[in-house]
Every structure is written in structure tokens, then in C-alpha cells.
């Protein structure tokens, strides 16, 4: 009887964990909404057509209390703090980018200082995106 009870509990725990991992970014992010400032970030190759995305998105959940989520989380959170969570207000870096057209669409959705954030912008290249958004969308390790 104990074996059956332990097996049932193990299956229940496994199903609960699977449900949490497959809940998707929006539902997973809602669990972190109470924890402080957070953004679900995606970078998609190509231009984002109305109502959808093109290409395979690369994304992560950026948490800023404490900074977690990608290799440059501390820098991204510091830049967002200076801009009060407004990605468009991050000062652009002075870099030279090649003039090769390889568009990427950056999308951020989440919460900053209790306010909802929904940012989407298409840039001519990943270099231009990183120059304009600092470390926020620098998801490459």
C-alpha cells in the first residue's frame, strides 16, 4: 500500500512539474510578476508581420531582483533601471555596424516598477539592435 501511495505521489509531482514547464512563457512569467521587475524577451530573425512572427524566436525571462535570465542580466537590469524600464530610452552605444540587411525583431513583455511593459521593434541587424537596446536583448552567450 505504501508503495502505491509513493508511486501515486511521484506521478502527481511529475505531472505538476511538467505542467509548470510547459505552461509557456506568459504563464511562467506571471509567477514571477510578484517577485519584482521582469521581462520576457524574444529576438526573432526577420521582420515581424502584423499579428505574428517569422523565423525561430530566441527568448528568455529576464529577472532583475536579483538579476537572472541571460549572460548579461546584471548589465541589462542596470540599463533598464536608468531608463525606468523604457527600452526606447536606453542611450544608444556608439558602434559601427556593417550595412548588411539582416533584420531582427526584438520583443519584450513584462512588468517594471508595477507598470506593464510591451516593447516591439524591428532593427536592420543584430548589431544595430544591440547598439540601440544595450544588453537587454544581447541573448547570445
C-alpha atoms as a PDB file:
ATOM      1  CA  UNK A   1       0.000   0.000   0.000  1.00  0.00           C
ATOM      2  CA  UNK A   2       2.829   2.415   0.834  1.00  0.00           C
ATOM      3  CA  UNK A   3       4.484   1.664  -2.497  1.00  0.00           C
ATOM      4  CA  UNK A   4       1.283   2.548  -4.368  1.00  0.00           C
ATOM      5  CA  UNK A   5       0.910   5.771  -2.388  1.00  0.00           C
ATOM      6  CA  UNK A   6       4.503   6.821  -3.075  1.00  0.00           C
ATOM      7  CA  UNK A   7       4.129   5.956  -6.750  1.00  0.00           C
ATOM      8  CA  UNK A   8       0.931   7.977  -6.968  1.00  0.00           C
ATOM      9  CA  UNK A   9       2.586  10.934  -5.236  1.00  0.00           C
ATOM     10  CA  UNK A  10       5.582  10.694  -7.571  1.00  0.00           C
ATOM     11  CA  UNK A  11       3.340  10.666 -10.645  1.00  0.00           C
ATOM     12  CA  UNK A  12       1.379  13.637  -9.291  1.00  0.00           C
ATOM     13  CA  UNK A  13       4.572  15.598  -8.648  1.00  0.00           C
ATOM     14  CA  UNK A  14       5.875  14.734 -12.118  1.00  0.00           C
ATOM     15  CA  UNK A  15       2.648  15.888 -13.764  1.00  0.00           C
ATOM     16  CA  UNK A  16       2.661  19.107 -11.755  1.00  0.00           C
ATOM     17  CA  UNK A  17       6.280  19.826 -12.716  1.00  0.00           C
ATOM     18  CA  UNK A  18       5.572  19.046 -16.361  1.00  0.00           C
ATOM     19  CA  UNK A  19       2.607  21.405 -16.301  1.00  0.00           C
ATOM     20  CA  UNK A  20       4.770  24.182 -14.867  1.00  0.00           C
ATOM     21  CA  UNK A  21       7.480  23.722 -17.519  1.00  0.00           C
ATOM     22  CA  UNK A  22       5.025  23.513 -20.411  1.00  0.00           C
ATOM     23  CA  UNK A  23       2.811  26.363 -19.211  1.00  0.00           C
ATOM     24  CA  UNK A  24       4.548  28.718 -21.637  1.00  0.00           C
ATOM     25  CA  UNK A  25       6.433  31.963 -21.110  1.00  0.00           C
ATOM     26  CA  UNK A  26       3.382  34.100 -20.356  1.00  0.00           C
ATOM     27  CA  UNK A  27       2.124  31.818 -17.604  1.00  0.00           C
ATOM     28  CA  UNK A  28       5.612  31.182 -16.241  1.00  0.00           C
ATOM     29  CA  UNK A  29       6.255  34.920 -16.238  1.00  0.00           C
ATOM     30  CA  UNK A  30       3.085  35.557 -14.271  1.00  0.00           C
ATOM     31  CA  UNK A  31       4.582  33.521 -11.420  1.00  0.00           C
ATOM     32  CA  UNK A  32       7.475  35.984 -11.302  1.00  0.00           C
ATOM     33  CA  UNK A  33       5.293  39.106 -11.550  1.00  0.00           C
ATOM     34  CA  UNK A  34       5.147  39.437  -7.772  1.00  0.00           C
ATOM     35  CA  UNK A  35       8.891  38.965  -7.433  1.00  0.00           C
ATOM     36  CA  UNK A  36       9.865  42.375  -8.881  1.00  0.00           C
ATOM     37  CA  UNK A  37      10.904  43.692 -12.274  1.00  0.00           C
ATOM     38  CA  UNK A  38      10.889  41.103 -15.057  1.00  0.00           C
ATOM     39  CA  UNK A  39      10.684  40.937 -18.849  1.00  0.00           C
ATOM     40  CA  UNK A  40      10.116  38.043 -21.217  1.00  0.00           C
ATOM     41  CA  UNK A  41      12.482  38.823 -24.104  1.00  0.00           C
ATOM     42  CA  UNK A  42      12.445  37.373 -27.608  1.00  0.00           C
ATOM     43  CA  UNK A  43      14.565  38.052 -30.657  1.00  0.00           C
ATOM     44  CA  UNK A  44      13.249  36.786 -33.985  1.00  0.00           C
ATOM     45  CA  UNK A  45      15.101  36.779 -37.293  1.00  0.00           C
ATOM     46  CA  UNK A  46      13.277  38.775 -39.925  1.00  0.00           C
ATOM     47  CA  UNK A  47      10.596  41.394 -39.750  1.00  0.00           C
ATOM     48  CA  UNK A  48       7.552  40.684 -37.620  1.00  0.00           C
ATOM     49  CA  UNK A  49       4.440  40.783 -39.809  1.00  0.00           C
ATOM     50  CA  UNK A  50       1.248  42.113 -38.261  1.00  0.00           C
ATOM     51  CA  UNK A  51      -0.156  39.563 -35.854  1.00  0.00           C
ATOM     52  CA  UNK A  52       2.736  37.106 -35.937  1.00  0.00           C
ATOM     53  CA  UNK A  53       6.424  36.419 -36.061  1.00  0.00           C
ATOM     54  CA  UNK A  54       8.741  34.983 -38.666  1.00  0.00           C
ATOM     55  CA  UNK A  55      11.664  32.694 -38.085  1.00  0.00           C
ATOM     56  CA  UNK A  56      12.501  30.836 -34.908  1.00  0.00           C
ATOM     57  CA  UNK A  57      12.386  33.097 -31.853  1.00  0.00           C
ATOM     58  CA  UNK A  58      15.214  33.068 -29.342  1.00  0.00           C
ATOM     59  CA  UNK A  59      13.986  34.115 -25.928  1.00  0.00           C
ATOM     60  CA  UNK A  60      14.460  34.187 -22.188  1.00  0.00           C
ATOM     61  CA  UNK A  61      12.922  35.501 -18.995  1.00  0.00           C
ATOM     62  CA  UNK A  62      14.959  38.379 -17.548  1.00  0.00           C
ATOM     63  CA  UNK A  63      14.558  38.804 -13.796  1.00  0.00           C
ATOM     64  CA  UNK A  64      16.028  41.868 -12.108  1.00  0.00           C
ATOM     65  CA  UNK A  65      15.579  41.176  -8.405  1.00  0.00           C
ATOM     66  CA  UNK A  66      18.215  39.601  -8.378  1.00  0.00           C
ATOM     67  CA  UNK A  67      19.483  39.784 -11.991  1.00  0.00           C
ATOM     68  CA  UNK A  68      18.967  36.413 -13.707  1.00  0.00           C
ATOM     69  CA  UNK A  69      17.977  35.155 -17.136  1.00  0.00           C
ATOM     70  CA  UNK A  70      20.869  35.560 -19.540  1.00  0.00           C
ATOM     71  CA  UNK A  71      24.615  36.105 -19.575  1.00  0.00           C
ATOM     72  CA  UNK A  72      24.290  39.916 -19.402  1.00  0.00           C
ATOM     73  CA  UNK A  73      21.400  40.119 -16.922  1.00  0.00           C
ATOM     74  CA  UNK A  74      23.165  42.448 -14.461  1.00  0.00           C
ATOM     75  CA  UNK A  75      24.075  44.936 -17.206  1.00  0.00           C
ATOM     76  CA  UNK A  76      20.593  44.722 -18.760  1.00  0.00           C
ATOM     77  CA  UNK A  77      18.893  45.349 -15.416  1.00  0.00           C
ATOM     78  CA  UNK A  78      21.194  48.307 -14.696  1.00  0.00           C
ATOM     79  CA  UNK A  79      20.430  49.856 -18.112  1.00  0.00           C
ATOM     80  CA  UNK A  80      16.705  49.302 -17.600  1.00  0.00           C
ATOM     81  CA  UNK A  81      16.882  50.873 -14.134  1.00  0.00           C
ATOM     82  CA  UNK A  82      18.476  54.030 -15.572  1.00  0.00           C
ATOM     83  CA  UNK A  83      15.778  54.177 -18.282  1.00  0.00           C
ATOM     84  CA  UNK A  84      12.990  53.388 -15.759  1.00  0.00           C
ATOM     85  CA  UNK A  85      12.099  50.237 -17.696  1.00  0.00           C
ATOM     86  CA  UNK A  86      11.603  52.074 -21.013  1.00  0.00           C
ATOM     87  CA  UNK A  87      13.782  50.230 -23.524  1.00  0.00           C
ATOM     88  CA  UNK A  88      13.432  53.056 -26.061  1.00  0.00           C
ATOM     89  CA  UNK A  89      15.115  55.416 -23.545  1.00  0.00           C
ATOM     90  CA  UNK A  90      18.300  53.343 -23.209  1.00  0.00           C
ATOM     91  CA  UNK A  91      21.138  55.508 -24.562  1.00  0.00           C
ATOM     92  CA  UNK A  92      22.486  54.062 -27.830  1.00  0.00           C
ATOM     93  CA  UNK A  93      26.050  52.763 -27.911  1.00  0.00           C
ATOM     94  CA  UNK A  94      28.477  54.355 -30.344  1.00  0.00           C
ATOM     95  CA  UNK A  95      29.437  51.412 -32.541  1.00  0.00           C
ATOM     96  CA  UNK A  96      29.967  50.820 -36.231  1.00  0.00           C
ATOM     97  CA  UNK A  97      27.677  48.191 -37.737  1.00  0.00           C
ATOM     98  CA  UNK A  98      28.043  46.739 -41.215  1.00  0.00           C
ATOM     99  CA  UNK A  99      25.405  47.797 -43.708  1.00  0.00           C
ATOM    100  CA  UNK A 100      24.232  44.237 -44.312  1.00  0.00           C
ATOM    101  CA  UNK A 101      20.462  43.982 -44.106  1.00  0.00           C
ATOM    102  CA  UNK A 102      19.657  41.068 -41.766  1.00  0.00           C
ATOM    103  CA  UNK A 103      16.558  42.243 -39.872  1.00  0.00           C
ATOM    104  CA  UNK A 104      15.711  41.090 -36.373  1.00  0.00           C
ATOM    105  CA  UNK A 105      12.633  41.855 -34.305  1.00  0.00           C
ATOM    106  CA  UNK A 106      13.028  42.399 -30.590  1.00  0.00           C
ATOM    107  CA  UNK A 107      10.031  41.957 -28.298  1.00  0.00           C
ATOM    108  CA  UNK A 108       9.811  42.490 -24.542  1.00  0.00           C
ATOM    109  CA  UNK A 109       6.746  41.913 -22.435  1.00  0.00           C
ATOM    110  CA  UNK A 110       6.559  42.056 -18.663  1.00  0.00           C
ATOM    111  CA  UNK A 111       6.481  44.392 -15.697  1.00  0.00           C
ATOM    112  CA  UNK A 112       8.725  47.193 -14.478  1.00  0.00           C
ATOM    113  CA  UNK A 113       8.053  49.093 -11.231  1.00  0.00           C
ATOM    114  CA  UNK A 114       4.468  47.835 -11.253  1.00  0.00           C
ATOM    115  CA  UNK A 115       3.796  49.052 -14.815  1.00  0.00           C
ATOM    116  CA  UNK A 116       3.225  46.746 -17.780  1.00  0.00           C
ATOM    117  CA  UNK A 117       5.907  46.737 -20.484  1.00  0.00           C
ATOM    118  CA  UNK A 118       5.206  45.782 -24.100  1.00  0.00           C
ATOM    119  CA  UNK A 119       8.007  46.767 -26.484  1.00  0.00           C
ATOM    120  CA  UNK A 120       8.497  45.593 -30.061  1.00  0.00           C
ATOM    121  CA  UNK A 121      10.882  46.961 -32.655  1.00  0.00           C
ATOM    122  CA  UNK A 122      12.459  45.650 -35.861  1.00  0.00           C
ATOM    123  CA  UNK A 123      16.099  46.580 -36.465  1.00  0.00           C
ATOM    124  CA  UNK A 124      18.146  46.266 -39.656  1.00  0.00           C
ATOM    125  CA  UNK A 125      20.636  43.911 -37.956  1.00  0.00           C
ATOM    126  CA  UNK A 126      21.523  42.343 -34.605  1.00  0.00           C
ATOM    127  CA  UNK A 127      24.393  44.833 -34.293  1.00  0.00           C
ATOM    128  CA  UNK A 128      22.009  47.796 -34.610  1.00  0.00           C
ATOM    129  CA  UNK A 129      19.595  46.165 -32.133  1.00  0.00           C
ATOM    130  CA  UNK A 130      22.365  45.722 -29.538  1.00  0.00           C
ATOM    131  CA  UNK A 131      23.595  49.279 -30.122  1.00  0.00           C
ATOM    132  CA  UNK A 132      20.103  50.700 -29.521  1.00  0.00           C
ATOM    133  CA  UNK A 133      18.972  48.430 -26.679  1.00  0.00           C
ATOM    134  CA  UNK A 134      22.212  47.866 -24.773  1.00  0.00           C
ATOM    135  CA  UNK A 135      22.488  44.496 -23.097  1.00  0.00           C
ATOM    136  CA  UNK A 136      18.738  43.892 -22.836  1.00  0.00           C
ATOM    137  CA  UNK A 137      18.405  41.782 -25.994  1.00  0.00           C
ATOM    138  CA  UNK A 138      22.021  40.541 -26.026  1.00  0.00           C
ATOM    139  CA  UNK A 139      20.885  36.953 -25.518  1.00  0.00           C
ATOM    140  CA  UNK A 140      23.949  35.315 -27.055  1.00  0.00           C
ATOM    141  CA  UNK A 141      26.327  33.849 -24.502  1.00  0.00           C
END
